[in-house]
Structures are given as C-alpha cells and as structure tokens.
PDB file of N, CA and C in Angstrom:
ATOM      1  N   MET A   1     -27.427 -98.709 -49.895  1.00  0.00           N
ATOM      2  CA  MET A   1     -26.274 -97.848 -49.754  1.00  0.00           C
ATOM      3  C   MET A   1     -26.614 -96.409 -50.091  1.00  0.00           C
ATOM      4  N   VAL A   2     -27.482 -96.205 -51.066  1.00  0.00           N
ATOM      5  CA  VAL A   2     -27.838 -94.846 -51.479  1.00  0.00           C
ATOM      6  C   VAL A   2     -28.468 -94.094 -50.330  1.00  0.00           C
ATOM      7  N   GLY A   3     -29.270 -94.758 -49.503  1.00  0.00           N
ATOM      8  CA  GLY A   3     -29.921 -94.105 -48.387  1.00  0.00           C
ATOM      9  C   GLY A   3     -28.940 -93.619 -47.329  1.00  0.00           C
ATOM     10  N   ALA A   4     -27.778 -94.220 -47.250  1.00  0.00           N
ATOM     11  CA  ALA A   4     -26.787 -93.852 -46.242  1.00  0.00           C
ATOM     12  C   ALA A   4     -25.984 -92.626 -46.641  1.00  0.00           C
ATOM     13  N   ILE A   5     -26.014 -92.251 -47.901  1.00  0.00           N
ATOM     14  CA  ILE A   5     -25.232 -91.113 -48.372  1.00  0.00           C
ATOM     15  C   ILE A   5     -26.145 -89.900 -48.483  1.00  0.00           C
ATOM     16  N   GLU A   6     -25.811 -88.859 -47.709  1.00  0.00           N
ATOM     17  CA  GLU A   6     -26.565 -87.613 -47.701  1.00  0.00           C
ATOM     18  C   GLU A   6     -25.586 -86.462 -47.870  1.00  0.00           C
ATOM     19  N   ILE A   7     -26.122 -85.262 -48.003  1.00  0.00           N
ATOM     20  CA  ILE A   7     -25.262 -84.082 -48.067  1.00  0.00           C
ATOM     21  C   ILE A   7     -24.534 -83.951 -46.734  1.00  0.00           C
ATOM     22  N   GLY A   8     -23.225 -83.822 -46.800  1.00  0.00           N
ATOM     23  CA  GLY A   8     -22.388 -83.741 -45.612  1.00  0.00           C
ATOM     24  C   GLY A   8     -21.756 -85.058 -45.218  1.00  0.00           C
ATOM     25  N   SER A   9     -22.131 -86.150 -45.887  1.00  0.00           N
ATOM     26  CA  SER A   9     -21.553 -87.458 -45.574  1.00  0.00           C
ATOM     27  C   SER A   9     -20.084 -87.499 -45.990  1.00  0.00           C
ATOM     28  N   ILE A  10     -19.252 -88.005 -45.099  1.00  0.00           N
ATOM     29  CA  ILE A  10     -17.837 -88.180 -45.421  1.00  0.00           C
ATOM     30  C   ILE A  10     -17.688 -89.581 -46.001  1.00  0.00           C
ATOM     31  N   CYS A  11     -17.086 -89.651 -47.191  1.00  0.00           N
ATOM     32  CA  CYS A  11     -16.935 -90.914 -47.913  1.00  0.00           C
ATOM     33  C   CYS A  11     -15.498 -91.079 -48.373  1.00  0.00           C
ATOM     34  N   VAL A  12     -15.194 -92.278 -48.819  1.00  0.00           N
ATOM     35  CA  VAL A  12     -13.895 -92.579 -49.424  1.00  0.00           C
ATOM     36  C   VAL A  12     -14.162 -93.040 -50.848  1.00  0.00           C
ATOM     37  N   LYS A  13     -13.439 -92.455 -51.821  1.00  0.00           N
ATOM     38  CA  LYS A  13     -13.575 -92.896 -53.207  1.00  0.00           C
ATOM     39  C   LYS A  13     -12.964 -94.286 -53.339  1.00  0.00           C
ATOM     40  N   THR A  14     -13.684 -95.163 -54.031  1.00  0.00           N
ATOM     41  CA  THR A  14     -13.215 -96.547 -54.152  1.00  0.00           C
ATOM     42  C   THR A  14     -12.633 -96.867 -55.517  1.00  0.00           C
ATOM     43  N   THR A  15     -12.880 -96.025 -56.521  1.00  0.00           N
ATOM     44  CA  THR A  15     -12.371 -96.302 -57.862  1.00  0.00           C
ATOM     45  C   THR A  15     -11.787 -95.041 -58.478  1.00  0.00           C
ATOM     46  N   GLY A  16     -11.036 -95.240 -59.531  1.00  0.00           N
ATOM     47  CA  GLY A  16     -10.479 -94.115 -60.274  1.00  0.00           C
ATOM     48  C   GLY A  16      -9.133 -93.657 -59.754  1.00  0.00           C
ATOM     49  N   ARG A  17      -8.663 -92.553 -60.322  1.00  0.00           N
ATOM     50  CA  ARG A  17      -7.356 -92.009 -59.949  1.00  0.00           C
ATOM     51  C   ARG A  17      -7.295 -91.578 -58.493  1.00  0.00           C
ATOM     52  N   ARG A  18      -8.409 -91.148 -57.985  1.00  0.00           N
ATOM     53  CA  ARG A  18      -8.458 -90.635 -56.611  1.00  0.00           C
ATOM     54  C   ARG A  18      -8.959 -91.667 -55.602  1.00  0.00           C
ATOM     55  N   ALA A  19      -8.864 -92.930 -55.929  1.00  0.00           N
ATOM     56  CA  ALA A  19      -9.296 -93.992 -55.016  1.00  0.00           C
ATOM     57  C   ALA A  19      -8.522 -93.881 -53.702  1.00  0.00           C
ATOM     58  N   GLY A  20      -9.234 -94.008 -52.603  1.00  0.00           N
ATOM     59  CA  GLY A  20      -8.624 -93.899 -51.287  1.00  0.00           C
ATOM     60  C   GLY A  20      -8.674 -92.509 -50.698  1.00  0.00           C
ATOM     61  N   LYS A  21      -9.052 -91.510 -51.481  1.00  0.00           N
ATOM     62  CA  LYS A  21      -9.118 -90.131 -51.004  1.00  0.00           C
ATOM     63  C   LYS A  21     -10.445 -89.875 -50.305  1.00  0.00           C
ATOM     64  N   THR A  22     -10.416 -89.017 -49.296  1.00  0.00           N
ATOM     65  CA  THR A  22     -11.606 -88.657 -48.547  1.00  0.00           C
ATOM     66  C   THR A  22     -12.364 -87.567 -49.280  1.00  0.00           C
ATOM     67  N   ALA A  23     -13.685 -87.723 -49.347  1.00  0.00           N
ATOM     68  CA  ALA A  23     -14.540 -86.765 -50.032  1.00  0.00           C
ATOM     69  C   ALA A  23     -15.774 -86.490 -49.180  1.00  0.00           C
ATOM     70  N   VAL A  24     -16.374 -85.329 -49.413  1.00  0.00           N
ATOM     71  CA  VAL A  24     -17.615 -84.953 -48.753  1.00  0.00           C
ATOM     72  C   VAL A  24     -18.661 -84.728 -49.826  1.00  0.00           C
ATOM     73  N   VAL A  25     -19.846 -85.262 -49.644  1.00  0.00           N
ATOM     74  CA  VAL A  25     -20.940 -85.055 -50.588  1.00  0.00           C
ATOM     75  C   VAL A  25     -21.524 -83.672 -50.323  1.00  0.00           C
ATOM     76  N   VAL A  26     -21.510 -82.800 -51.351  1.00  0.00           N
ATOM     77  CA  VAL A  26     -22.036 -81.444 -51.188  1.00  0.00           C
ATOM     78  C   VAL A  26     -23.348 -81.232 -51.934  1.00  0.00           C
ATOM     79  N   ASP A  27     -23.705 -82.143 -52.835  1.00  0.00           N
ATOM     80  CA  ASP A  27     -24.946 -81.980 -53.592  1.00  0.00           C
ATOM     81  C   ASP A  27     -25.210 -83.254 -54.388  1.00  0.00           C
ATOM     82  N   PHE A  28     -26.388 -83.346 -54.973  1.00  0.00           N
ATOM     83  CA  PHE A  28     -26.744 -84.412 -55.902  1.00  0.00           C
ATOM     84  C   PHE A  28     -27.279 -83.760 -57.165  1.00  0.00           C
ATOM     85  N   ASP A  29     -26.956 -84.311 -58.327  1.00  0.00           N
ATOM     86  CA  ASP A  29     -27.501 -83.745 -59.562  1.00  0.00           C
ATOM     87  C   ASP A  29     -28.735 -84.533 -59.993  1.00  0.00           C
ATOM     88  N   LYS A  30     -29.368 -84.077 -61.049  1.00  0.00           N
ATOM     89  CA  LYS A  30     -30.636 -84.658 -61.489  1.00  0.00           C
ATOM     90  C   LYS A  30     -30.507 -86.091 -61.969  1.00  0.00           C
ATOM     91  N   SER A  31     -29.335 -86.474 -62.444  1.00  0.00           N
ATOM     92  CA  SER A  31     -29.146 -87.825 -62.967  1.00  0.00           C
ATOM     93  C   SER A  31     -28.753 -88.834 -61.888  1.00  0.00           C
ATOM     94  N   GLY A  32     -28.699 -88.414 -60.627  1.00  0.00           N
ATOM     95  CA  GLY A  32     -28.413 -89.331 -59.535  1.00  0.00           C
ATOM     96  C   GLY A  32     -26.962 -89.411 -59.116  1.00  0.00           C
ATOM     97  N   PHE A  33     -26.104 -88.617 -59.709  1.00  0.00           N
ATOM     98  CA  PHE A  33     -24.703 -88.591 -59.310  1.00  0.00           C
ATOM     99  C   PHE A  33     -24.533 -87.695 -58.091  1.00  0.00           C
ATOM    100  N   ALA A  34     -23.528 -87.980 -57.285  1.00  0.00           N
ATOM    101  CA  ALA A  34     -23.190 -87.132 -56.147  1.00  0.00           C
ATOM    102  C   ALA A  34     -22.147 -86.115 -56.599  1.00  0.00           C
ATOM    103  N   VAL A  35     -22.251 -84.901 -56.103  1.00  0.00           N
ATOM    104  CA  VAL A  35     -21.221 -83.890 -56.316  1.00  0.00           C
ATOM    105  C   VAL A  35     -20.361 -83.912 -55.065  1.00  0.00           C
ATOM    106  N   ILE A  36     -19.072 -84.218 -55.250  1.00  0.00           N
ATOM    107  CA  ILE A  36     -18.171 -84.369 -54.108  1.00  0.00           C
ATOM    108  C   ILE A  36     -17.102 -83.294 -54.127  1.00  0.00           C
ATOM    109  N   ASP A  37     -16.517 -83.068 -52.967  1.00  0.00           N
ATOM    110  CA  ASP A  37     -15.434 -82.109 -52.813  1.00  0.00           C
ATOM    111  C   ASP A  37     -14.602 -82.580 -51.626  1.00  0.00           C
ATOM    112  N   GLY A  38     -13.370 -82.146 -51.562  1.00  0.00           N
ATOM    113  CA  GLY A  38     -12.513 -82.527 -50.449  1.00  0.00           C
ATOM    114  C   GLY A  38     -11.227 -81.741 -50.465  1.00  0.00           C
ATOM    115  N   ALA A  39     -10.454 -81.905 -49.416  1.00  0.00           N
ATOM    116  CA  ALA A  39      -9.193 -81.175 -49.306  1.00  0.00           C
ATOM    117  C   ALA A  39      -8.218 -81.605 -50.397  1.00  0.00           C
ATOM    118  N   SER A  40      -8.243 -82.876 -50.781  1.00  0.00           N
ATOM    119  CA  SER A  40      -7.316 -83.362 -51.803  1.00  0.00           C
ATOM    120  C   SER A  40      -8.032 -83.690 -53.109  1.00  0.00           C
ATOM    121  N   LEU A  41      -9.256 -83.192 -53.265  1.00  0.00           N
ATOM    122  CA  LEU A  41     -10.052 -83.438 -54.463  1.00  0.00           C
ATOM    123  C   LEU A  41     -10.632 -82.140 -54.997  1.00  0.00           C
ATOM    124  N   LYS A  42     -10.790 -82.097 -56.315  1.00  0.00           N
ATOM    125  CA  LYS A  42     -11.531 -80.999 -56.914  1.00  0.00           C
ATOM    126  C   LYS A  42     -13.007 -81.359 -56.872  1.00  0.00           C
ATOM    127  N   ARG A  43     -13.863 -80.354 -56.888  1.00  0.00           N
ATOM    128  CA  ARG A  43     -15.304 -80.598 -56.928  1.00  0.00           C
ATOM    129  C   ARG A  43     -15.660 -81.239 -58.255  1.00  0.00           C
ATOM    130  N   LYS A  44     -16.369 -82.363 -58.199  1.00  0.00           N
ATOM    131  CA  LYS A  44     -16.756 -83.051 -59.420  1.00  0.00           C
ATOM    132  C   LYS A  44     -17.900 -84.009 -59.142  1.00  0.00           C
ATOM    133  N   LYS A  45     -18.539 -84.466 -60.205  1.00  0.00           N
ATOM    134  CA  LYS A  45     -19.593 -85.460 -60.087  1.00  0.00           C
ATOM    135  C   LYS A  45     -18.955 -86.829 -59.920  1.00  0.00           C
ATOM    136  N   CYS A  46     -19.646 -87.684 -59.175  1.00  0.00           N
ATOM    137  CA  CYS A  46     -19.132 -89.020 -58.923  1.00  0.00           C
ATOM    138  C   CYS A  46     -20.319 -89.968 -58.803  1.00  0.00           C
ATOM    139  N   ASN A  47     -20.180 -91.150 -59.373  1.00  0.00           N
ATOM    140  CA  ASN A  47     -21.204 -92.167 -59.233  1.00  0.00           C
ATOM    141  C   ASN A  47     -21.277 -92.586 -57.766  1.00  0.00           C
ATOM    142  N   ILE A  48     -22.483 -92.676 -57.246  1.00  0.00           N
ATOM    143  CA  ILE A  48     -22.662 -93.035 -55.843  1.00  0.00           C
ATOM    144  C   ILE A  48     -22.088 -94.419 -55.552  1.00  0.00           C
ATOM    145  N   ARG A  49     -22.089 -95.288 -56.533  1.00  0.00           N
ATOM    146  CA  ARG A  49     -21.543 -96.640 -56.351  1.00  0.00           C
ATOM    147  C   ARG A  49     -20.034 -96.634 -56.134  1.00  0.00           C
ATOM    148  N   HIS A  50     -19.379 -95.528 -56.452  1.00  0.00           N
ATOM    149  CA  HIS A  50     -17.934 -95.425 -56.305  1.00  0.00           C
ATOM    150  C   HIS A  50     -17.532 -94.756 -54.992  1.00  0.00           C
ATOM    151  N   LEU A  51     -18.486 -94.612 -54.079  1.00  0.00           N
ATOM    152  CA  LEU A  51     -18.219 -93.993 -52.785  1.00  0.00           C
ATOM    153  C   LEU A  51     -18.517 -94.978 -51.664  1.00  0.00           C
ATOM    154  N   LEU A  52     -17.645 -95.008 -50.669  1.00  0.00           N
ATOM    155  CA  LEU A  52     -17.830 -95.847 -49.502  1.00  0.00           C
ATOM    156  C   LEU A  52     -18.078 -94.920 -48.306  1.00  0.00           C
ATOM    157  N   PRO A  53     -19.301 -94.913 -47.767  1.00  0.00           N
ATOM    158  CA  PRO A  53     -19.577 -94.024 -46.630  1.00  0.00           C
ATOM    159  C   PRO A  53     -18.807 -94.472 -45.381  1.00  0.00           C
ATOM    160  N   THR A  54     -18.289 -93.503 -44.637  1.00  0.00           N
ATOM    161  CA  THR A  54     -17.547 -93.811 -43.415  1.00  0.00           C
ATOM    162  C   THR A  54     -18.453 -93.830 -42.192  1.00  0.00           C
ATOM    163  N   GLY A  55     -19.673 -93.346 -42.339  1.00  0.00           N
ATOM    164  CA  GLY A  55     -20.587 -93.254 -41.196  1.00  0.00           C
ATOM    165  C   GLY A  55     -20.479 -91.931 -40.475  1.00  0.00           C
ATOM    166  N   LYS A  56     -19.545 -91.094 -40.899  1.00  0.00           N
ATOM    167  CA  LYS A  56     -19.380 -89.771 -40.286  1.00  0.00           C
ATOM    168  C   LYS A  56     -20.069 -88.739 -41.164  1.00  0.00           C
ATOM    169  N   LYS A  57     -20.510 -87.663 -40.541  1.00  0.00           N
ATOM    170  CA  LYS A  57     -21.198 -86.619 -41.281  1.00  0.00           C
ATOM    171  C   LYS A  57     -20.831 -85.271 -40.689  1.00  0.00           C
ATOM    172  N   ILE A  58     -20.687 -84.269 -41.555  1.00  0.00           N
ATOM    173  CA  ILE A  58     -20.455 -82.907 -41.100  1.00  0.00           C
ATOM    174  C   ILE A  58     -21.640 -82.057 -41.526  1.00  0.00           C
ATOM    175  N   GLU A  59     -21.889 -81.001 -40.786  1.00  0.00           N
ATOM    176  CA  GLU A  59     -23.015 -80.116 -41.089  1.00  0.00           C
ATOM    177  C   GLU A  59     -22.613 -79.153 -42.200  1.00  0.00           C
ATOM    178  N   LEU A  60     -23.212 -79.335 -43.370  1.00  0.00           N
ATOM    179  CA  LEU A  60     -22.964 -78.478 -44.521  1.00  0.00           C
ATOM    180  C   LEU A  60     -24.290 -78.138 -45.174  1.00  0.00           C
ATOM    181  N   LYS A  61     -24.336 -76.957 -45.751  1.00  0.00           N
ATOM    182  CA  LYS A  61     -25.488 -76.600 -46.563  1.00  0.00           C
ATOM    183  C   LYS A  61     -25.302 -77.180 -47.948  1.00  0.00           C
ATOM    184  N   LYS A  62     -26.395 -77.378 -48.655  1.00  0.00           N
ATOM    185  CA  LYS A  62     -26.343 -77.891 -50.023  1.00  0.00           C
ATOM    186  C   LYS A  62     -25.515 -76.939 -50.883  1.00  0.00           C
ATOM    187  N   GLY A  63     -24.522 -77.468 -51.597  1.00  0.00           N
ATOM    188  CA  GLY A  63     -23.682 -76.661 -52.478  1.00  0.00           C
ATOM    189  C   GLY A  63     -22.652 -75.826 -51.748  1.00  0.00           C
ATOM    190  N   ALA A  64     -22.217 -76.237 -50.567  1.00  0.00           N
ATOM    191  CA  ALA A  64     -21.224 -75.493 -49.786  1.00  0.00           C
ATOM    192  C   ALA A  64     -19.947 -75.283 -50.601  1.00  0.00           C
ATOM    193  N   SER A  65     -19.255 -74.192 -50.328  1.00  0.00           N
ATOM    194  CA  SER A  65     -18.029 -73.864 -51.066  1.00  0.00           C
ATOM    195  C   SER A  65     -16.884 -74.786 -50.646  1.00  0.00           C
ATOM    196  N   HIS A  66     -15.842 -74.807 -51.469  1.00  0.00           N
ATOM    197  CA  HIS A  66     -14.662 -75.630 -51.192  1.00  0.00           C
ATOM    198  C   HIS A  66     -14.031 -75.234 -49.858  1.00  0.00           C
ATOM    199  N   GLU A  67     -13.971 -73.933 -49.575  1.00  0.00           N
ATOM    200  CA  GLU A  67     -13.376 -73.449 -48.331  1.00  0.00           C
ATOM    201  C   GLU A  67     -14.145 -73.948 -47.108  1.00  0.00           C
ATOM    202  N   GLU A  68     -15.477 -73.966 -47.193  1.00  0.00           N
ATOM    203  CA  GLU A  68     -16.286 -74.469 -46.087  1.00  0.00           C
ATOM    204  C   GLU A  68     -16.036 -75.961 -45.861  1.00  0.00           C
ATOM    205  N   VAL A  69     -15.930 -76.713 -46.947  1.00  0.00           N
ATOM    206  CA  VAL A  69     -15.690 -78.148 -46.846  1.00  0.00           C
ATOM    207  C   VAL A  69     -14.353 -78.412 -46.168  1.00  0.00           C
ATOM    208  N   VAL A  70     -13.318 -77.739 -46.602  1.00  0.00           N
ATOM    209  CA  VAL A  70     -11.979 -77.935 -46.032  1.00  0.00           C
ATOM    210  C   VAL A  70     -11.968 -77.524 -44.563  1.00  0.00           C
ATOM    211  N   LYS A  71     -12.643 -76.433 -44.229  1.00  0.00           N
ATOM    212  CA  LYS A  71     -12.690 -75.967 -42.840  1.00  0.00           C
ATOM    213  C   LYS A  71     -13.358 -77.000 -41.934  1.00  0.00           C
ATOM    214  N   HIS A  72     -14.446 -77.592 -42.395  1.00  0.00           N
ATOM    215  CA  HIS A  72     -15.166 -78.565 -41.590  1.00  0.00           C
ATOM    216  C   HIS A  72     -14.431 -79.905 -41.501  1.00  0.00           C
ATOM    217  N   LEU A  73     -13.678 -80.260 -42.532  1.00  0.00           N
ATOM    218  CA  LEU A  73     -12.929 -81.521 -42.486  1.00  0.00           C
ATOM    219  C   LEU A  73     -11.809 -81.464 -41.461  1.00  0.00           C
ATOM    220  N   GLY A  74     -11.202 -80.311 -41.309  1.00  0.00           N
ATOM    221  CA  GLY A  74     -10.149 -80.152 -40.313  1.00  0.00           C
ATOM    222  C   GLY A  74      -8.784 -80.565 -40.814  1.00  0.00           C
ATOM    223  N   LYS A  75      -7.850 -80.643 -39.912  1.00  0.00           N
ATOM    224  CA  LYS A  75      -6.457 -80.897 -40.247  1.00  0.00           C
ATOM    225  C   LYS A  75      -6.189 -82.348 -40.641  1.00  0.00           C
ATOM    226  N   ASN A  76      -7.070 -83.275 -40.299  1.00  0.00           N
ATOM    227  CA  ASN A  76      -6.836 -84.692 -40.580  1.00  0.00           C
ATOM    228  C   ASN A  76      -6.938 -85.046 -42.061  1.00  0.00           C
ATOM    229  N   HIS A  77      -7.565 -84.193 -42.852  1.00  0.00           N
ATOM    230  CA  HIS A  77      -7.816 -84.524 -44.249  1.00  0.00           C
ATOM    231  C   HIS A  77      -7.237 -83.478 -45.191  1.00  0.00           C
ATOM    232  N   THR A  78      -6.086 -82.916 -44.866  1.00  0.00           N
ATOM    233  CA  THR A  78      -5.493 -81.888 -45.718  1.00  0.00           C
ATOM    234  C   THR A  78      -4.761 -82.494 -46.893  1.00  0.00           C
ATOM    235  N   ARG A  79      -4.555 -81.687 -47.919  1.00  0.00           N
ATOM    236  CA  ARG A  79      -3.894 -82.125 -49.146  1.00  0.00           C
ATOM    237  C   ARG A  79      -2.454 -82.493 -48.894  1.00  0.00           C
ATOM    238  N   LYS A  80      -1.989 -83.589 -49.481  1.00  0.00           N
ATOM    239  CA  LYS A  80      -0.592 -84.038 -49.297  1.00  0.00           C
ATOM    240  C   LYS A  80       0.108 -84.071 -50.627  1.00  0.00           C
TER     241      LYS A  80
END
C-alpha cells in the first residue's frame, strides 16, 4: 500500500475525526508519515495506514500550498 501513495495522490482518511474526508498527499516526513491537505482538512501529518488511495493523482510539487491543492481538487471536493 505504501508504494501506491505518492505526492499528489488523492486519498480518503479512514480513521479519526476526519474519516471519510478527501485528502491529497503533499509531502512525507522523515518518520514515514504523510503530510496531507485538502479542501475540508487542515495540513497535518497522518499515518499512511490511515489513508485509502483512490487511484487518482493530481500534479503537485512537493510541499504545495493549500491554495494550490484546493485549486487542483476542483469544485467536487470543496468544504461543506
């Protein structure tokens, strides 16, 4: 599963308060956690095991800003 998650991968959080929310992987930290961001999420570290990849990917640079992430996600994933 770890091999399927890359920078720009669109995932769904599977655990925690934000379970079911769409997230984009924007970076990885040294300890192996993914840094995620999304239209309905704040940027934060997340265990890779708590992400379900959707198989979709957007073109992002490593460490892209929140505005870039929201722009690339489009209208389908806006905050509710």
